[in-house]
Amino acid sequence: MIFILDIRSVILQTAITHAFFTIILVVFNLQKTRIKGLDKLTKGCFFIFMGLILIICRGILPNYLTITVANCLMICGIMLLSHGTRVFSKSSEKLFKIELLSIVPFVLLFIYFSHYNPNINARIVVFASYTIYFQYKMMEAIIYQKEEIIKHISYLICFFIALSSLFEIYKVFSALMGPNLHTYFQAGNHEGVRLILIQLGHFILIMGVFLISSKIYENELKIQSMADSLTGLLNRKAFDQLTNMQIAKAERDNKKIGLAICDIDNFKSINDSYGHSVGDEIIIKFANLIKDNLRTYDLLGRYGGDEFTILIPEIEKPEIILKLENIRNKIEKNHFVINGEKININASFGALVFSPGDVDIKKAFNIADSALYEAKNLGRNKAVVKS
């Protein structure tokens, strides 16, 4: 044999590495906007660190601590790492609870093979089987997430986790087919190599999570810069940008497009009668009602105050009249309940259906705006559509 790895020394070095990972994740959590999943990664690294420390103390502390508790902490840590990774692919909390319950048979098996029928080989098989499952789910999440992370990093993470899993499978076969071990520290070089691979895999995993987290953080900032702070709809700048994109597409496809401007009739009187906080609630509910009656690819933005803009691709004049009348009727019949009080409102709409090649966007807005004023002059609670 060319080299012999001292298992106890490798475990100590692995424990120190996971303590370092824990500190790094805690600092990262404090510096960044809190991102779902990082708390599980932090706890996972800490649990693995504690489990490894207890294993090192075998022969000093009681066996139930250095065998059963130690291995349970480590498998919980691996499960938390797995779920901390899976959260980026919208992993279910229900599945997390089910997997958490699966620790119970793990504990019972370890108690049985540690105290009632001592068998190190059986313990290795149980631990490796759980680890293989959680590592598989981890790789599945990373592959699913690869569009949000630098591609070669995602493959690198999966490579090390897969390599570690292969060693776990090898451990299962060697434990089943090989001689019975009298102590875990006689497990051999393959166990030392596995521990080294775990460190490398977890290091690459955490670096990848940093990249994913940074990407999510940047996306959140981008979304915030595009969203109206009160309603969460597109703000004026974002609406204009996306409108230009939709108009360019409609021009390429030779399709017509609908543009509508609407506002709440006599909104100032609502603010004067009920206060601005109630006015804000009305605006939010009003925006949500309109949004619920649009298609997913229609654009809805808040231009300011109680004024909203709607862009409806691929539509003709009769269709937009029906759509706006439907929304207007729903607003008229809806009771907006604020602080237990019912408030009825009406809205006016001015719209235009046009071919992008015939009318530029600035002129389209002017025509839709004049149609809105026409709706107001006709007595409000109207939808006027121009073509």
Protein backbone atom coordinates (compact mmCIF):
# COMPACT_ATOMS: atom_id res chain seq x y z
CA MET A 1 0.00 0.00 0.00
CA ILE A 2 1.49 3.33 -1.08
CA PHE A 3 -0.09 5.40 1.71
CA ILE A 4 -2.22 4.90 4.78
CA LEU A 5 -4.70 7.55 5.90
CA ASP A 6 -5.14 7.99 9.62
CA ILE A 7 -8.94 8.14 9.92
CA ARG A 8 -8.96 10.04 13.21
CA SER A 9 -6.69 12.77 11.78
CA VAL A 10 -8.77 13.03 8.60
CA ILE A 11 -11.97 13.33 10.70
CA LEU A 12 -10.38 16.11 12.77
CA GLN A 13 -9.38 17.99 9.62
CA THR A 14 -12.89 17.48 8.19
CA ALA A 15 -14.43 18.81 11.43
CA ILE A 16 -12.24 21.94 11.29
CA THR A 17 -13.24 22.48 7.64
CA HIS A 18 -16.96 22.27 8.48
CA ALA A 19 -16.48 24.66 11.39
CA PHE A 20 -14.93 27.08 8.89
CA PHE A 21 -17.88 26.54 6.51
CA THR A 22 -20.31 27.30 9.35
CA ILE A 23 -18.55 30.57 10.22
CA ILE A 24 -18.43 31.63 6.54
CA LEU A 25 -22.17 30.96 6.10
CA VAL A 26 -23.06 32.86 9.29
CA VAL A 27 -21.03 35.87 8.13
CA PHE A 28 -22.59 35.65 4.66
CA ASN A 29 -26.08 35.58 6.19
CA LEU A 30 -25.29 38.73 8.18
CA GLN A 31 -23.86 40.61 5.19
CA LYS A 32 -26.52 39.74 2.59
CA THR A 33 -30.27 40.02 2.35
CA ARG A 34 -31.57 36.92 4.09
CA ILE A 35 -32.10 34.22 1.47
CA LYS A 36 -34.22 31.14 2.10
CA GLY A 37 -32.10 27.98 2.28
CA LEU A 38 -28.88 29.45 3.67
CA ASP A 39 -30.02 28.86 7.26
CA LYS A 40 -30.36 25.13 6.49
CA LEU A 41 -26.88 25.04 4.94
CA THR A 42 -25.45 26.76 8.02
CA LYS A 43 -27.15 24.34 10.42
CA GLY A 44 -26.13 21.41 8.21
CA CYS A 45 -22.43 22.31 8.37
CA PHE A 46 -22.68 22.87 12.13
CA PHE A 47 -24.38 19.49 12.74
CA ILE A 48 -21.73 17.69 10.67
CA PHE A 49 -19.01 19.50 12.64
CA MET A 50 -20.56 18.45 15.98
CA GLY A 51 -20.99 14.86 14.80
CA LEU A 52 -17.37 14.62 13.69
CA ILE A 53 -16.13 16.08 17.00
CA LEU A 54 -18.08 13.42 18.91
CA ILE A 55 -16.63 10.66 16.68
CA ILE A 56 -13.10 11.91 17.42
CA CYS A 57 -13.91 11.57 21.13
CA ARG A 58 -14.68 7.84 20.78
CA GLY A 59 -13.09 6.03 23.69
CA ILE A 60 -13.27 9.18 25.84
CA LEU A 61 -17.01 9.85 25.90
CA PRO A 62 -19.77 7.21 26.28
CA ASN A 63 -20.56 5.14 23.16
CA TYR A 64 -24.13 6.39 22.83
CA LEU A 65 -22.70 9.90 22.29
CA THR A 66 -19.82 8.96 20.00
CA ILE A 67 -21.80 6.47 17.91
CA THR A 68 -25.57 7.01 17.92
CA VAL A 69 -25.72 10.76 18.63
CA ALA A 70 -22.66 11.50 16.46
CA ASN A 71 -23.99 9.69 13.40
CA CYS A 72 -27.50 11.11 13.88
CA LEU A 73 -26.06 14.64 13.96
CA MET A 74 -24.09 13.95 10.79
CA ILE A 75 -27.02 12.47 8.86
CA CYS A 76 -29.20 15.41 9.99
CA GLY A 77 -26.46 17.73 8.76
CA ILE A 78 -26.33 16.03 5.35
CA MET A 79 -30.15 16.20 5.16
CA LEU A 80 -30.09 19.94 5.94
CA LEU A 81 -27.39 20.53 3.31
CA SER A 82 -29.55 18.65 0.84
CA HIS A 83 -32.62 20.73 1.64
CA GLY A 84 -30.64 23.96 1.75
CA THR A 85 -29.68 23.20 -1.85
CA ARG A 86 -33.13 22.00 -2.90
CA VAL A 87 -34.84 25.17 -1.69
CA PHE A 88 -33.51 26.96 -4.79
CA SER A 89 -35.57 24.56 -6.92
CA LYS A 90 -38.74 25.25 -4.89
CA SER A 91 -38.41 22.12 -2.77
CA SER A 92 -41.45 21.21 -0.68
CA GLU A 93 -41.38 21.82 3.08
CA LYS A 94 -43.72 18.82 3.37
CA LEU A 95 -40.98 16.58 1.93
CA PHE A 96 -38.52 18.06 4.43
CA LYS A 97 -40.80 17.05 7.33
CA ILE A 98 -41.19 13.52 5.94
CA GLU A 99 -37.41 13.16 5.59
CA LEU A 100 -36.97 14.54 9.09
CA LEU A 101 -39.26 11.78 10.38
CA SER A 102 -37.12 9.22 8.52
CA ILE A 103 -34.36 9.98 11.04
CA VAL A 104 -36.38 7.99 13.62
CA PRO A 105 -35.72 4.56 12.00
CA PHE A 106 -32.11 5.69 11.46
CA VAL A 107 -31.76 6.30 15.21
CA LEU A 108 -33.42 2.97 16.08
CA LEU A 109 -31.15 1.06 13.70
CA PHE A 110 -28.05 2.73 15.12
CA ILE A 111 -29.12 1.98 18.68
CA TYR A 112 -29.74 -1.66 17.73
CA PHE A 113 -26.43 -2.12 15.85
CA SER A 114 -24.46 -0.21 18.50
CA HIS A 115 -25.79 -1.65 21.79
CA TYR A 116 -28.01 -4.70 21.27
CA ASN A 117 -26.30 -6.35 18.30
CA PRO A 118 -23.01 -4.45 17.76
CA ASN A 119 -22.14 -4.48 14.05
CA ILE A 120 -19.96 -1.74 12.53
CA ASN A 121 -20.51 -3.03 8.99
CA ALA A 122 -24.30 -2.72 9.37
CA ARG A 123 -23.94 0.82 10.70
CA ILE A 124 -21.82 1.73 7.66
CA VAL A 125 -24.51 0.34 5.31
CA VAL A 126 -27.29 2.31 7.06
CA PHE A 127 -25.33 5.58 7.11
CA ALA A 128 -24.17 5.22 3.50
CA SER A 129 -27.70 4.44 2.26
CA TYR A 130 -29.13 7.60 3.83
CA THR A 131 -26.21 9.66 2.50
CA ILE A 132 -26.64 8.34 -1.06
CA TYR A 133 -30.32 9.36 -1.06
CA PHE A 134 -29.67 12.90 0.20
CA GLN A 135 -26.75 13.39 -2.18
CA TYR A 136 -28.91 12.24 -5.09
CA LYS A 137 -31.59 14.82 -4.18
CA MET A 138 -28.85 17.45 -3.88
CA MET A 139 -27.54 16.74 -7.38
CA GLU A 140 -31.08 16.74 -8.76
CA ALA A 141 -31.66 20.22 -7.34
CA ILE A 142 -28.36 21.59 -8.65
CA ILE A 143 -28.96 20.23 -12.17
CA TYR A 144 -32.47 21.73 -12.10
CA GLN A 145 -30.97 25.05 -10.97
CA LYS A 146 -28.16 25.20 -13.54
CA GLU A 147 -29.73 28.09 -15.43
CA GLU A 148 -29.35 30.27 -12.32
CA ILE A 149 -25.70 29.43 -11.75
CA ILE A 150 -22.54 29.37 -13.83
CA LYS A 151 -22.84 26.11 -15.75
CA HIS A 152 -19.37 24.69 -15.14
CA ILE A 153 -19.69 25.33 -11.39
CA SER A 154 -22.95 23.35 -11.28
CA TYR A 155 -21.31 20.44 -13.09
CA LEU A 156 -18.29 20.64 -10.80
CA ILE A 157 -20.52 20.43 -7.71
CA CYS A 158 -22.38 17.45 -9.16
CA PHE A 159 -19.10 15.76 -10.08
CA PHE A 160 -17.78 15.82 -6.51
CA ILE A 161 -21.13 14.84 -4.99
CA ALA A 162 -21.45 11.99 -7.52
CA LEU A 163 -17.89 10.86 -6.75
CA SER A 164 -18.69 10.89 -3.04
CA SER A 165 -21.87 8.90 -3.74
CA LEU A 166 -19.88 6.31 -5.69
CA PHE A 167 -17.62 5.89 -2.67
CA GLU A 168 -20.73 5.49 -0.50
CA ILE A 169 -21.93 2.71 -2.82
CA TYR A 170 -18.49 1.13 -2.65
CA LYS A 171 -18.67 1.36 1.14
CA VAL A 172 -22.00 -0.49 1.13
CA PHE A 173 -20.59 -3.35 -0.96
CA SER A 174 -17.33 -3.53 1.00
CA ALA A 175 -19.25 -3.56 4.29
CA LEU A 176 -21.59 -6.32 3.04
CA MET A 177 -18.96 -8.46 1.33
CA GLY A 178 -15.84 -7.66 3.38
CA PRO A 179 -14.70 -8.83 6.83
CA ASN A 180 -16.40 -7.53 9.96
CA LEU A 181 -14.71 -4.43 11.37
CA HIS A 182 -13.86 -4.28 15.07
CA THR A 183 -13.57 -0.49 15.12
CA TYR A 184 -14.60 2.28 12.74
CA PHE A 185 -11.05 3.66 12.71
CA GLN A 186 -9.95 0.49 10.88
CA ALA A 187 -12.27 1.31 7.96
CA GLY A 188 -9.26 1.90 5.69
CA ASN A 189 -8.16 4.34 3.04
CA HIS A 190 -11.49 4.34 1.21
CA GLU A 191 -13.11 5.98 4.28
CA GLY A 192 -10.38 8.61 4.41
CA VAL A 193 -10.77 9.35 0.71
CA ARG A 194 -14.55 9.59 1.20
CA LEU A 195 -14.11 12.18 3.96
CA ILE A 196 -11.76 14.21 1.77
CA LEU A 197 -14.30 14.09 -1.07
CA ILE A 198 -17.02 15.25 1.33
CA GLN A 199 -14.92 18.31 2.19
CA LEU A 200 -14.28 19.11 -1.47
CA GLY A 201 -17.92 18.52 -2.40
CA HIS A 202 -19.23 20.71 0.41
CA PHE A 203 -16.71 23.43 -0.38
CA ILE A 204 -17.73 23.53 -4.06
CA LEU A 205 -21.40 23.31 -3.02
CA ILE A 206 -21.14 26.33 -0.71
CA MET A 207 -19.25 28.34 -3.34
CA GLY A 208 -22.04 27.47 -5.77
CA VAL A 209 -24.67 28.53 -3.25
CA PHE A 210 -22.91 31.88 -2.90
CA LEU A 211 -23.22 32.34 -6.67
CA ILE A 212 -26.89 31.29 -6.66
CA SER A 213 -27.61 33.59 -3.71
CA SER A 214 -25.87 36.51 -5.38
CA LYS A 215 -27.86 35.88 -8.55
CA ILE A 216 -31.13 35.78 -6.60
CA TYR A 217 -30.16 38.94 -4.70
CA GLU A 218 -29.39 40.74 -7.97
CA ASN A 219 -32.70 39.57 -9.45
CA GLU A 220 -34.57 40.82 -6.37
CA LEU A 221 -32.95 44.24 -6.73
CA LYS A 222 -33.81 44.27 -10.43
CA ILE A 223 -37.43 43.33 -9.71
CA GLN A 224 -37.64 45.98 -6.97
CA SER A 225 -36.36 48.61 -9.39
CA MET A 226 -39.10 47.63 -11.86
CA ALA A 227 -41.96 47.35 -9.37
CA ASP A 228 -44.29 49.98 -7.98
CA SER A 229 -43.73 50.09 -4.22
CA LEU A 230 -47.45 50.15 -3.33
CA THR A 231 -49.05 47.67 -5.72
CA GLY A 232 -46.10 45.55 -6.84
CA LEU A 233 -47.09 46.20 -10.46
CA LEU A 234 -44.72 47.50 -13.11
CA ASN A 235 -43.67 51.07 -12.48
CA ARG A 236 -43.71 53.66 -15.26
CA LYS A 237 -40.13 53.08 -16.40
CA ALA A 238 -40.51 49.29 -16.51
CA PHE A 239 -43.89 49.51 -18.27
CA ASP A 240 -42.41 51.76 -20.96
CA GLN A 241 -39.46 49.41 -21.51
CA LEU A 242 -41.62 46.29 -21.81
CA THR A 243 -44.15 48.15 -23.96
CA ASN A 244 -41.42 49.02 -26.47
CA MET A 245 -40.43 45.34 -26.60
CA GLN A 246 -44.03 44.22 -27.15
CA ILE A 247 -44.60 46.85 -29.85
CA ALA A 248 -41.45 45.73 -31.69
CA LYS A 249 -42.70 42.14 -31.56
CA ALA A 250 -46.19 43.14 -32.78
CA GLU A 251 -44.62 45.06 -35.67
CA ARG A 252 -42.54 42.02 -36.68
CA ASP A 253 -45.59 39.74 -36.50
CA ASN A 254 -47.88 42.30 -38.19
CA LYS A 255 -50.29 42.19 -35.23
CA LYS A 256 -52.41 44.91 -33.67
CA ILE A 257 -51.96 45.94 -30.07
CA GLY A 258 -54.23 47.54 -27.50
CA LEU A 259 -53.24 50.30 -25.09
CA ALA A 260 -55.57 51.44 -22.29
CA ILE A 261 -55.32 54.08 -19.58
CA CYS A 262 -57.68 54.02 -16.62
CA ASP A 263 -58.18 55.74 -13.30
CA ILE A 264 -60.62 55.71 -10.38
CA ASP A 265 -63.47 58.17 -10.69
CA ASN A 266 -63.50 60.90 -8.02
CA PHE A 267 -60.57 59.31 -6.22
CA LYS A 268 -59.73 62.59 -4.45
CA SER A 269 -63.07 62.46 -2.64
CA ILE A 270 -62.17 58.98 -1.31
CA ASN A 271 -58.90 60.31 0.09
CA ASP A 272 -60.68 63.32 1.58
CA SER A 273 -63.46 61.22 3.14
CA TYR A 274 -61.53 58.17 4.38
CA GLY A 275 -57.88 59.22 4.49
CA HIS A 276 -54.84 58.34 2.41
CA SER A 277 -54.28 54.93 4.05
CA VAL A 278 -57.75 53.82 2.90
CA GLY A 279 -57.02 55.36 -0.49
CA ASP A 280 -53.89 53.23 -0.73
CA GLU A 281 -55.88 50.10 0.15
CA ILE A 282 -58.40 50.96 -2.57
CA ILE A 283 -55.59 51.36 -5.11
CA ILE A 284 -54.11 47.96 -4.16
CA LYS A 285 -57.46 46.16 -4.40
CA PHE A 286 -58.32 48.01 -7.61
CA ALA A 287 -54.98 46.96 -9.17
CA ASN A 288 -55.46 43.32 -8.13
CA LEU A 289 -58.97 43.22 -9.58
CA ILE A 290 -57.71 44.46 -12.97
CA LYS A 291 -54.74 42.07 -12.87
CA ASP A 292 -57.02 39.08 -12.19
CA ASN A 293 -58.96 39.87 -15.37
CA LEU A 294 -55.96 40.09 -17.71
CA ARG A 295 -53.98 37.39 -19.46
CA THR A 296 -50.58 36.42 -18.09
CA TYR A 297 -48.76 38.11 -20.98
CA ASP A 298 -50.77 41.36 -20.85
CA LEU A 299 -48.90 44.23 -19.20
CA LEU A 300 -50.32 46.23 -16.29
CA GLY A 301 -48.50 49.17 -14.75
CA ARG A 302 -49.12 51.98 -12.33
CA TYR A 303 -48.30 55.30 -13.95
CA GLY A 304 -48.83 57.30 -10.77
CA GLY A 305 -51.56 58.10 -8.25
CA ASP A 306 -54.69 56.20 -9.23
CA GLU A 307 -53.78 56.02 -12.94
CA PHE A 308 -52.97 52.64 -14.50
CA THR A 309 -51.88 51.57 -17.97
CA ILE A 310 -52.67 48.30 -19.72
CA LEU A 311 -51.00 46.87 -22.83
CA ILE A 312 -52.85 44.03 -24.55
CA PRO A 313 -51.01 42.33 -27.44
CA GLU A 314 -52.78 40.70 -30.40
CA ILE A 315 -56.26 42.17 -29.95
CA GLU A 316 -58.91 43.82 -32.11
CA LYS A 317 -61.23 46.70 -31.22
CA PRO A 318 -64.37 44.58 -30.49
CA GLU A 319 -62.35 42.31 -28.18
CA ILE A 320 -60.80 45.14 -26.19
CA ILE A 321 -64.21 46.79 -25.78
CA LEU A 322 -65.59 43.56 -24.30
CA LYS A 323 -62.55 43.14 -22.05
CA LEU A 324 -62.60 46.70 -20.68
CA GLU A 325 -66.38 46.66 -20.24
CA ASN A 326 -66.07 43.39 -18.32
CA ILE A 327 -63.44 44.89 -16.00
CA ARG A 328 -65.41 48.11 -15.60
CA ASN A 329 -68.57 46.17 -14.66
CA LYS A 330 -66.70 44.07 -12.11
CA ILE A 331 -65.25 47.22 -10.51
CA GLU A 332 -68.71 48.82 -10.40
CA LYS A 333 -70.32 45.78 -8.77
CA ASN A 334 -67.46 45.02 -6.40
CA HIS A 335 -67.64 46.07 -2.74
CA PHE A 336 -64.19 47.12 -1.57
CA VAL A 337 -64.17 46.26 2.13
CA ILE A 338 -61.69 48.44 4.07
CA ASN A 339 -61.61 48.21 7.89
CA GLY A 340 -65.04 46.56 7.83
CA GLU A 341 -66.60 49.32 5.72
CA LYS A 342 -67.89 48.75 2.17
CA ILE A 343 -66.74 51.33 -0.37
CA ASN A 344 -68.03 51.30 -3.93
CA ILE A 345 -65.97 52.86 -6.70
CA ASN A 346 -66.18 53.34 -10.46
CA ALA A 347 -63.44 53.63 -13.07
CA SER A 348 -63.10 55.19 -16.49
CA PHE A 349 -61.09 53.74 -19.38
CA GLY A 350 -59.60 55.30 -22.50
CA ALA A 351 -58.07 52.94 -25.03
CA LEU A 352 -56.65 52.60 -28.49
CA VAL A 353 -56.17 49.61 -30.81
CA PHE A 354 -53.44 50.26 -33.35
CA SER A 355 -50.87 48.77 -35.68
CA PRO A 356 -47.35 49.69 -34.48
CA GLY A 357 -46.31 50.59 -38.01
CA ASP A 358 -49.04 53.24 -38.27
CA VAL A 359 -48.84 54.94 -34.85
CA ASP A 360 -45.80 55.48 -32.63
CA ILE A 361 -46.05 54.81 -28.90
CA LYS A 362 -46.03 58.49 -27.88
CA LYS A 363 -48.97 59.26 -30.14
CA ALA A 364 -50.74 56.09 -28.96
CA PHE A 365 -50.50 57.28 -25.35
CA ASN A 366 -51.86 60.70 -26.32
CA ILE A 367 -54.85 59.16 -28.12
CA ALA A 368 -55.59 56.76 -25.22
CA ASP A 369 -55.32 59.70 -22.81
CA SER A 370 -57.75 61.78 -24.84
CA ALA A 371 -60.13 58.80 -24.91
CA LEU A 372 -59.95 58.70 -21.10
CA TYR A 373 -60.88 62.39 -20.89
CA GLU A 374 -63.75 61.70 -23.27
CA ALA A 375 -64.97 58.92 -20.94
CA LYS A 376 -64.85 61.40 -18.04
CA ASN A 377 -66.79 64.01 -20.02
CA LEU A 378 -69.46 61.43 -20.87
CA GLY A 379 -70.23 61.10 -17.16
CA ARG A 380 -67.44 58.78 -15.92
CA ASN A 381 -67.71 55.01 -15.38
CA LYS A 382 -67.27 54.57 -19.15
CA ALA A 383 -64.85 52.81 -21.54
CA VAL A 384 -64.03 54.72 -24.72
CA VAL A 385 -61.99 52.88 -27.34
CA LYS A 386 -60.44 54.59 -30.36
CA SER A 387 -58.92 52.99 -33.46
